[in-house]
C-alpha atoms as a PDB file:
ATOM      1  CA  UNK A   1     -22.155 -11.030  13.602  1.00  0.00           C
ATOM      2  CA  UNK A   2     -23.831 -11.169  10.089  1.00  0.00           C
ATOM      3  CA  UNK A   3     -21.843 -11.139   6.981  1.00  0.00           C
ATOM      4  CA  UNK A   4     -22.911  -7.586   5.921  1.00  0.00           C
ATOM      5  CA  UNK A   5     -21.880  -6.268   9.399  1.00  0.00           C
ATOM      6  CA  UNK A   6     -18.592  -7.961   9.137  1.00  0.00           C
ATOM      7  CA  UNK A   7     -17.942  -6.508   5.719  1.00  0.00           C
ATOM      8  CA  UNK A   8     -18.820  -3.034   6.872  1.00  0.00           C
ATOM      9  CA  UNK A   9     -16.452  -3.389   9.892  1.00  0.00           C
ATOM     10  CA  UNK A  10     -13.663  -4.605   7.911  1.00  0.00           C
ATOM     11  CA  UNK A  11     -14.127  -1.717   5.267  1.00  0.00           C
ATOM     12  CA  UNK A  12     -14.090   0.729   8.078  1.00  0.00           C
ATOM     13  CA  UNK A  13     -10.986  -0.804   9.472  1.00  0.00           C
ATOM     14  CA  UNK A  14      -9.347  -0.553   6.010  1.00  0.00           C
ATOM     15  CA  UNK A  15     -10.425   3.079   5.700  1.00  0.00           C
ATOM     16  CA  UNK A  16      -8.833   3.881   9.027  1.00  0.00           C
ATOM     17  CA  UNK A  17      -5.626   2.138   8.189  1.00  0.00           C
ATOM     18  CA  UNK A  18      -5.507   4.195   4.986  1.00  0.00           C
ATOM     19  CA  UNK A  19      -6.124   7.397   6.966  1.00  0.00           C
ATOM     20  CA  UNK A  20      -3.455   6.607   9.302  1.00  0.00           C
ATOM     21  CA  UNK A  21      -0.864   5.883   6.576  1.00  0.00           C
ATOM     22  CA  UNK A  22      -1.863   8.783   4.215  1.00  0.00           C
ATOM     23  CA  UNK A  23      -3.018  11.520   6.502  1.00  0.00           C
ATOM     24  CA  UNK A  24      -1.678  10.882  10.090  1.00  0.00           C
ATOM     25  CA  UNK A  25       1.687   9.323   9.323  1.00  0.00           C
ATOM     26  CA  UNK A  26       2.918  10.260   5.904  1.00  0.00           C
ATOM     27  CA  UNK A  27       6.376  10.572   7.325  1.00  0.00           C
ATOM     28  CA  UNK A  28       6.488   6.803   7.693  1.00  0.00           C
ATOM     29  CA  UNK A  29       8.537   5.693   4.623  1.00  0.00           C
ATOM     30  CA  UNK A  30       7.302   2.923   2.455  1.00  0.00           C
ATOM     31  CA  UNK A  31      10.773   1.377   2.458  1.00  0.00           C
ATOM     32  CA  UNK A  32      10.860   1.196   6.188  1.00  0.00           C
ATOM     33  CA  UNK A  33       7.364  -0.325   6.278  1.00  0.00           C
ATOM     34  CA  UNK A  34       8.341  -2.862   3.752  1.00  0.00           C
ATOM     35  CA  UNK A  35      11.539  -3.723   5.486  1.00  0.00           C
ATOM     36  CA  UNK A  36       9.937  -3.979   8.964  1.00  0.00           C
ATOM     37  CA  UNK A  37       6.430  -5.410   7.996  1.00  0.00           C
ATOM     38  CA  UNK A  38       6.808  -6.923   4.634  1.00  0.00           C
ATOM     39  CA  UNK A  39       4.205  -4.674   3.065  1.00  0.00           C
ATOM     40  CA  UNK A  40       3.694  -0.891   2.372  1.00  0.00           C
ATOM     41  CA  UNK A  41       1.309   1.591   0.867  1.00  0.00           C
ATOM     42  CA  UNK A  42       2.179   0.282  -2.671  1.00  0.00           C
ATOM     43  CA  UNK A  43       1.223  -3.260  -1.535  1.00  0.00           C
ATOM     44  CA  UNK A  44      -2.124  -2.007  -0.163  1.00  0.00           C
ATOM     45  CA  UNK A  45      -2.814  -0.178  -3.436  1.00  0.00           C
ATOM     46  CA  UNK A  46      -2.026  -3.375  -5.377  1.00  0.00           C
ATOM     47  CA  UNK A  47      -4.168  -5.530  -3.071  1.00  0.00           C
ATOM     48  CA  UNK A  48      -7.069  -2.763  -3.720  1.00  0.00           C
ATOM     49  CA  UNK A  49      -6.325  -3.169  -7.569  1.00  0.00           C
ATOM     50  CA  UNK A  50      -6.427  -6.902  -7.307  1.00  0.00           C
ATOM     51  CA  UNK A  51      -9.811  -6.818  -5.344  1.00  0.00           C
ATOM     52  CA  UNK A  52     -11.338  -4.467  -7.997  1.00  0.00           C
ATOM     53  CA  UNK A  53     -10.199  -6.669 -10.730  1.00  0.00           C
ATOM     54  CA  UNK A  54     -11.551  -9.749  -8.960  1.00  0.00           C
ATOM     55  CA  UNK A  55     -14.897  -7.894  -8.809  1.00  0.00           C
ATOM     56  CA  UNK A  56     -14.935  -7.093 -12.531  1.00  0.00           C
ATOM     57  CA  UNK A  57     -13.742  -3.510 -12.170  1.00  0.00           C
ATOM     58  CA  UNK A  58     -10.883  -2.675 -14.607  1.00  0.00           C
ATOM     59  CA  UNK A  59      -8.254  -0.998 -12.686  1.00  0.00           C
ATOM     60  CA  UNK A  60      -4.486  -0.452 -13.387  1.00  0.00           C
ATOM     61  CA  UNK A  61      -1.537  -0.024 -11.004  1.00  0.00           C
ATOM     62  CA  UNK A  62      -1.457   3.790 -11.356  1.00  0.00           C
ATOM     63  CA  UNK A  63      -5.125   4.216 -10.978  1.00  0.00           C
ATOM     64  CA  UNK A  64      -5.165   2.012  -7.949  1.00  0.00           C
ATOM     65  CA  UNK A  65      -2.216   3.983  -6.365  1.00  0.00           C
ATOM     66  CA  UNK A  66      -3.979   7.252  -7.073  1.00  0.00           C
ATOM     67  CA  UNK A  67      -7.062   6.008  -5.361  1.00  0.00           C
ATOM     68  CA  UNK A  68      -5.210   4.765  -2.377  1.00  0.00           C
ATOM     69  CA  UNK A  69      -2.763   7.775  -2.056  1.00  0.00           C
ATOM     70  CA  UNK A  70      -5.523  10.341  -2.964  1.00  0.00           C
ATOM     71  CA  UNK A  71      -3.081  11.954  -5.406  1.00  0.00           C
ATOM     72  CA  UNK A  72      -0.910  10.701  -8.251  1.00  0.00           C
ATOM     73  CA  UNK A  73       2.063   8.750  -7.117  1.00  0.00           C
ATOM     74  CA  UNK A  74       4.486  11.358  -8.378  1.00  0.00           C
ATOM     75  CA  UNK A  75       2.980  14.069  -6.198  1.00  0.00           C
ATOM     76  CA  UNK A  76       3.108  11.693  -3.085  1.00  0.00           C
ATOM     77  CA  UNK A  77       6.804  11.095  -3.760  1.00  0.00           C
ATOM     78  CA  UNK A  78       7.520  14.787  -4.241  1.00  0.00           C
ATOM     79  CA  UNK A  79       5.784  15.687  -1.009  1.00  0.00           C
ATOM     80  CA  UNK A  80       6.641  12.770   1.333  1.00  0.00           C
ATOM     81  CA  UNK A  81       9.263  10.316   0.099  1.00  0.00           C
ATOM     82  CA  UNK A  82      12.848  10.789   1.218  1.00  0.00           C
ATOM     83  CA  UNK A  83      15.959   9.369  -0.396  1.00  0.00           C
ATOM     84  CA  UNK A  84      16.668   5.766   0.846  1.00  0.00           C
ATOM     85  CA  UNK A  85      20.012   4.861   2.324  1.00  0.00           C
ATOM     86  CA  UNK A  86      22.100   2.094   0.957  1.00  0.00           C
ATOM     87  CA  UNK A  87      21.231   0.043   4.133  1.00  0.00           C
ATOM     88  CA  UNK A  88      17.473   0.637   3.363  1.00  0.00           C
ATOM     89  CA  UNK A  89      17.803  -0.305  -0.179  1.00  0.00           C
ATOM     90  CA  UNK A  90      19.705  -3.540   0.641  1.00  0.00           C
ATOM     91  CA  UNK A  91      17.211  -4.471   3.303  1.00  0.00           C
ATOM     92  CA  UNK A  92      14.365  -3.817   0.731  1.00  0.00           C
ATOM     93  CA  UNK A  93      15.796  -6.114  -1.852  1.00  0.00           C
ATOM     94  CA  UNK A  94      15.626  -8.943   0.752  1.00  0.00           C
ATOM     95  CA  UNK A  95      12.110  -7.973   2.000  1.00  0.00           C
ATOM     96  CA  UNK A  96      10.756  -7.532  -1.554  1.00  0.00           C
ATOM     97  CA  UNK A  97      12.076 -11.042  -2.556  1.00  0.00           C
ATOM     98  CA  UNK A  98      10.496 -12.495   0.601  1.00  0.00           C
ATOM     99  CA  UNK A  99       7.160 -10.819   0.525  1.00  0.00           C
ATOM    100  CA  UNK A 100       6.347  -9.797  -3.046  1.00  0.00           C
ATOM    101  CA  UNK A 101       8.434 -11.391  -5.788  1.00  0.00           C
ATOM    102  CA  UNK A 102       7.513 -14.988  -4.808  1.00  0.00           C
ATOM    103  CA  UNK A 103       3.855 -14.009  -4.556  1.00  0.00           C
ATOM    104  CA  UNK A 104       3.349 -13.266  -8.295  1.00  0.00           C
ATOM    105  CA  UNK A 105       3.599  -9.414  -8.087  1.00  0.00           C
END
């Protein structure tokens, strides 16, 4: 496979993942994703921001989240985010430290 084809396939897979998380399964809570998998939609938007910045495109956290979510973060939260339980919050503290804090986020 040539490099351009690989890039196009990877980009298509990313777009399909985004579609799944944003359109197909907005009910899957970020906190549950973080607790189970060590990443969530916010992580994906941060990785998008970092890639943009690495390519010389100025992009802040809020802008990257809006691009990824397809709407402002406040709107996403109002539509889809539920209140986290104390157990979810405790598990998140551990997951965040293991998966985000130590990686310079």
